[in-house]
N, C-alpha and C. Protein backbone atom coordinates (compact mmCIF):
# COMPACT_ATOMS: atom_id res chain seq x y z
N LYS A 1 -14.38 10.35 30.76
CA LYS A 1 -14.82 11.31 31.72
C LYS A 1 -16.25 11.18 31.96
N ALA A 2 -16.86 10.67 31.06
CA ALA A 2 -18.31 10.58 31.10
C ALA A 2 -18.70 9.34 32.22
N ASN A 3 -17.72 8.00 32.15
CA ASN A 3 -17.79 7.19 33.32
C ASN A 3 -17.71 7.69 34.39
N LYS A 4 -16.69 8.59 34.70
CA LYS A 4 -16.82 9.21 36.06
C LYS A 4 -17.65 9.75 36.54
N ARG A 5 -18.48 10.71 35.63
CA ARG A 5 -19.76 11.37 35.98
C ARG A 5 -20.62 10.66 36.09
N ILE A 6 -20.90 9.46 35.46
CA ILE A 6 -22.09 8.73 35.97
C ILE A 6 -21.83 8.13 37.25
N TRP A 7 -20.50 7.42 37.50
CA TRP A 7 -20.29 6.95 38.69
C TRP A 7 -20.39 7.98 39.88
N THR A 8 -19.92 9.10 39.63
CA THR A 8 -20.14 10.14 40.92
C THR A 8 -21.63 10.52 40.94
N GLN A 9 -22.21 10.63 39.99
CA GLN A 9 -23.68 10.93 40.21
C GLN A 9 -24.54 9.81 40.80
N PHE A 10 -24.14 8.53 40.54
CA PHE A 10 -24.69 7.20 41.28
C PHE A 10 -24.45 7.20 42.36
N LEU A 11 -23.07 7.44 42.89
CA LEU A 11 -22.99 7.47 44.30
C LEU A 11 -23.33 8.57 45.36
N GLU A 12 -23.27 9.76 44.63
CA GLU A 12 -24.18 10.78 45.37
C GLU A 12 -25.69 10.52 45.48
N ALA A 13 -26.04 10.00 44.59
CA ALA A 13 -27.57 9.63 44.66
C ALA A 13 -27.90 8.71 45.92
N ASP A 14 -27.00 7.73 45.89
CA ASP A 14 -27.11 6.58 47.05
C ASP A 14 -26.34 7.14 48.46
N ASN A 15 -25.86 8.35 48.32
CA ASN A 15 -25.62 9.17 49.67
C ASN A 15 -24.19 8.19 50.08
N VAL A 16 -23.27 7.54 48.96
CA VAL A 16 -22.27 6.99 49.33
C VAL A 16 -21.25 7.79 49.81
N PRO A 17 -20.53 7.78 50.77
CA PRO A 17 -19.19 8.55 51.09
C PRO A 17 -18.13 8.15 50.28
N VAL A 18 -17.30 9.19 49.77
CA VAL A 18 -16.39 9.18 48.78
C VAL A 18 -15.05 9.75 49.45
N LEU A 19 -13.77 9.25 49.44
CA LEU A 19 -12.66 9.87 49.49
C LEU A 19 -12.09 10.23 48.30
N ALA A 20 -11.56 11.73 48.20
CA ALA A 20 -11.03 12.25 46.99
C ALA A 20 -9.57 11.92 47.27
N TRP A 21 -9.00 11.28 46.26
CA TRP A 21 -7.58 11.58 46.26
C TRP A 21 -7.13 10.96 44.62
N PRO A 22 -6.22 11.52 43.97
CA PRO A 22 -5.81 11.21 42.68
C PRO A 22 -5.81 9.87 42.60
N ALA A 23 -5.98 9.52 40.87
CA ALA A 23 -6.30 8.38 40.43
C ALA A 23 -4.96 7.47 40.64
N TYR A 24 -3.65 7.93 40.67
CA TYR A 24 -2.48 7.23 41.01
C TYR A 24 -2.26 7.11 42.30
N SER A 25 -3.00 7.30 43.33
CA SER A 25 -2.39 7.64 44.51
C SER A 25 -1.95 6.35 45.11
N ASP A 26 -1.02 6.34 46.15
CA ASP A 26 -0.65 5.32 46.83
C ASP A 26 -1.89 4.53 47.61
N MET A 27 -2.91 5.33 47.94
CA MET A 27 -3.90 4.81 48.53
C MET A 27 -4.92 4.15 47.71
N SER A 28 -4.65 3.94 46.39
CA SER A 28 -5.81 3.32 45.73
C SER A 28 -5.15 1.76 45.68
N PRO A 29 -6.11 0.80 46.03
CA PRO A 29 -6.02 -0.66 46.37
C PRO A 29 -5.58 -0.96 44.97
N MET A 30 -5.96 -0.54 43.69
CA MET A 30 -5.59 -1.00 42.45
C MET A 30 -4.11 -0.59 42.16
N GLU A 31 -3.59 0.26 42.55
CA GLU A 31 -2.19 0.84 42.47
C GLU A 31 -1.30 -0.42 43.19
N HIS A 32 -1.73 -0.87 44.21
CA HIS A 32 -0.91 -1.72 45.01
C HIS A 32 -0.83 -3.35 44.45
N VAL A 33 -2.45 -3.63 43.87
CA VAL A 33 -2.49 -5.00 43.20
C VAL A 33 -1.59 -4.93 41.99
N TRP A 34 -1.60 -3.96 41.42
CA TRP A 34 -0.84 -3.77 40.22
C TRP A 34 0.65 -4.20 40.39
N ASP A 35 1.18 -3.29 41.28
CA ASP A 35 2.60 -3.18 42.07
C ASP A 35 3.03 -4.56 42.50
N ALA A 36 2.12 -5.39 43.10
CA ALA A 36 2.55 -6.64 43.58
C ALA A 36 2.48 -7.62 42.54
N LEU A 37 1.49 -7.48 41.44
CA LEU A 37 1.80 -8.04 40.33
C LEU A 37 3.01 -8.12 39.64
N ASP A 38 3.24 -6.88 39.24
CA ASP A 38 4.68 -6.44 38.68
C ASP A 38 5.69 -7.14 39.30
N ARG A 39 6.03 -7.13 40.58
CA ARG A 39 7.04 -7.89 41.62
C ARG A 39 7.07 -9.36 41.34
N ARG A 40 5.95 -9.81 41.17
CA ARG A 40 5.60 -11.09 41.20
C ARG A 40 6.35 -11.57 39.67
N LEU A 41 5.85 -10.88 38.76
CA LEU A 41 6.46 -11.21 37.34
C LEU A 41 7.73 -11.07 37.32
N ARG A 42 8.55 -10.05 37.92
CA ARG A 42 9.99 -9.80 37.76
C ARG A 42 10.40 -10.80 38.39
N GLN A 43 9.96 -11.52 39.38
CA GLN A 43 10.81 -12.39 40.17
C GLN A 43 10.61 -13.86 39.67
N ARG A 44 9.84 -13.76 38.35
CA ARG A 44 9.81 -15.53 38.10
C ARG A 44 11.12 -15.78 37.50
N VAL A 45 11.58 -17.13 37.51
CA VAL A 45 12.42 -17.60 37.07
C VAL A 45 11.94 -18.94 36.12
N PRO A 46 12.28 -18.73 34.96
CA PRO A 46 12.98 -17.63 34.12
C PRO A 46 11.84 -16.66 34.06
N VAL A 47 12.80 -15.34 33.68
CA VAL A 47 11.74 -13.91 33.39
C VAL A 47 11.26 -14.29 32.03
N PRO A 48 10.08 -13.88 32.04
CA PRO A 48 9.21 -13.98 30.66
C PRO A 48 10.07 -13.48 29.39
N ALA A 49 10.47 -14.23 28.60
CA ALA A 49 11.07 -13.99 27.42
C ALA A 49 10.74 -13.30 26.38
N ASN A 50 9.33 -13.22 26.22
CA ASN A 50 8.60 -12.61 25.03
C ASN A 50 7.04 -12.30 25.48
N ILE A 51 6.26 -11.62 24.58
CA ILE A 51 5.02 -10.92 24.79
C ILE A 51 4.13 -12.58 25.25
N GLN A 52 4.17 -13.53 24.64
CA GLN A 52 3.44 -14.57 25.05
C GLN A 52 3.91 -15.22 26.05
N HIS A 53 5.12 -15.43 26.59
CA HIS A 53 5.44 -15.78 27.96
C HIS A 53 4.99 -14.70 28.94
N LEU A 54 5.09 -13.66 28.62
CA LEU A 54 4.53 -12.58 29.98
C LEU A 54 3.02 -12.64 29.91
N HIS A 55 2.42 -13.05 28.76
CA HIS A 55 0.82 -13.20 28.83
C HIS A 55 0.58 -14.16 29.57
N THR A 56 1.38 -15.45 29.40
CA THR A 56 1.01 -16.65 30.31
C THR A 56 1.35 -16.46 31.75
N ALA A 57 2.46 -15.70 31.97
CA ALA A 57 2.94 -15.58 33.31
C ALA A 57 1.59 -14.34 34.03
N ASN A 58 1.26 -13.54 33.34
CA ASN A 58 0.50 -12.66 33.65
C ASN A 58 -0.86 -13.32 34.45
N GLU A 59 -1.37 -14.50 33.40
CA GLU A 59 -2.47 -15.03 33.78
C GLU A 59 -2.41 -15.90 35.03
N GLU A 60 -1.33 -16.57 34.95
CA GLU A 60 -1.13 -17.54 35.99
C GLU A 60 -0.64 -16.59 37.43
N GLU A 61 -0.10 -15.62 37.37
CA GLU A 61 0.33 -14.87 38.67
C GLU A 61 -1.35 -14.34 39.38
N ARG A 62 -2.16 -13.77 38.17
CA ARG A 62 -3.48 -13.14 38.64
C ARG A 62 -4.04 -14.26 39.10
N THR A 63 -3.91 -15.64 38.61
CA THR A 63 -5.15 -16.56 39.07
C THR A 63 -4.69 -17.11 40.61
N ASN A 64 -3.22 -17.15 40.74
CA ASN A 64 -2.89 -17.60 42.30
C ASN A 64 -2.78 -16.33 43.01
N SER A 65 -3.19 -15.18 42.90
CA SER A 65 -2.80 -14.26 43.61
C SER A 65 -4.17 -13.62 44.51
N PRO A 66 -5.28 -14.46 44.75
CA PRO A 66 -6.62 -13.78 45.27
C PRO A 66 -6.10 -13.46 46.99
N GLN A 67 -5.30 -14.15 47.48
CA GLN A 67 -5.42 -13.65 48.88
C GLN A 67 -4.43 -12.25 48.98
N VAL A 68 -3.61 -12.08 48.11
CA VAL A 68 -2.84 -10.75 47.86
C VAL A 68 -3.67 -9.82 47.90
N THR A 69 -4.65 -9.98 46.79
CA THR A 69 -5.76 -9.00 46.79
C THR A 69 -6.64 -8.79 47.91
N VAL A 70 -7.16 -9.60 48.47
CA VAL A 70 -7.81 -9.74 49.71
C VAL A 70 -7.08 -8.84 50.79
N ASN A 71 -5.84 -9.30 50.73
CA ASN A 71 -5.05 -8.70 51.86
C ASN A 71 -4.80 -7.12 51.77
N LEU A 72 -4.69 -6.70 50.41
CA LEU A 72 -4.63 -5.26 50.07
C LEU A 72 -5.81 -4.71 50.30
N LEU A 73 -7.19 -5.17 49.84
CA LEU A 73 -8.21 -4.36 50.20
C LEU A 73 -8.63 -4.52 51.55
N SER A 74 -8.29 -5.33 52.47
CA SER A 74 -8.55 -5.48 53.65
C SER A 74 -7.71 -4.51 54.66
N SER A 75 -6.67 -4.11 53.95
CA SER A 75 -6.03 -2.92 54.79
C SER A 75 -6.26 -1.68 54.70
N MET A 76 -7.27 -1.42 53.64
CA MET A 76 -7.33 0.13 53.47
C MET A 76 -8.09 0.39 54.61
N ARG A 77 -8.83 0.26 55.70
CA ARG A 77 -9.15 0.85 56.58
C ARG A 77 -8.31 1.53 57.48
N ARG A 78 -7.12 0.65 57.82
CA ARG A 78 -6.14 1.04 58.34
C ARG A 78 -5.18 2.22 57.55
N ARG A 79 -5.07 2.01 56.28
CA ARG A 79 -4.27 3.11 55.57
C ARG A 79 -5.21 4.18 55.78
N CYS A 80 -6.26 4.37 55.50
CA CYS A 80 -6.93 5.40 55.63
C CYS A 80 -6.93 5.89 56.83
N VAL A 81 -6.84 5.40 58.06
CA VAL A 81 -6.90 5.92 59.48
C VAL A 81 -5.44 6.58 59.70
N GLU A 82 -4.38 5.80 59.26
CA GLU A 82 -3.06 6.29 59.09
C GLU A 82 -2.80 7.45 58.34
N LEU A 83 -3.46 7.69 57.11
CA LEU A 83 -3.50 8.91 56.39
C LEU A 83 -4.26 9.89 56.84
N ARG A 84 -5.26 9.71 57.62
CA ARG A 84 -5.84 10.84 58.34
C ARG A 84 -4.98 11.40 59.42
N GLU A 85 -4.65 10.50 60.14
CA GLU A 85 -3.94 10.84 61.44
C GLU A 85 -2.46 11.80 61.11
N ALA A 86 -1.94 11.33 59.82
CA ALA A 86 -0.91 12.14 59.42
C ALA A 86 -1.09 13.20 58.54
N ASN A 87 -2.57 13.49 58.60
CA ASN A 87 -2.90 15.00 57.92
C ASN A 87 -2.56 14.70 56.45
N GLY A 88 -2.69 13.28 55.87
CA GLY A 88 -2.43 13.53 54.52
C GLY A 88 -1.08 13.12 54.15
N GLY A 89 -0.31 13.28 55.23
CA GLY A 89 1.43 13.25 54.89
C GLY A 89 1.56 11.70 54.94
N HIS A 90 3.18 11.35 54.83
CA HIS A 90 3.82 10.17 54.73
C HIS A 90 3.93 9.94 56.18
């Protein structure tokens, strides 16, 4: 909570507008990044058989997925507009 308070104060001091939404919201870009990573890991052949294989696969997927991350972050403006137009609904 201390980190959140510090960041909130920092953003307020610099007059940075902040959208309020839950930490695990579908609007959170990181939730989409984690979901995309999870899907890629589950689609690997062979599926990682142990923790070491999972760790290696995770590193490979994270290294090879910068465009996915860029696409997700680039889509945030559109997502926010759609959310506003739907009055916060789906």
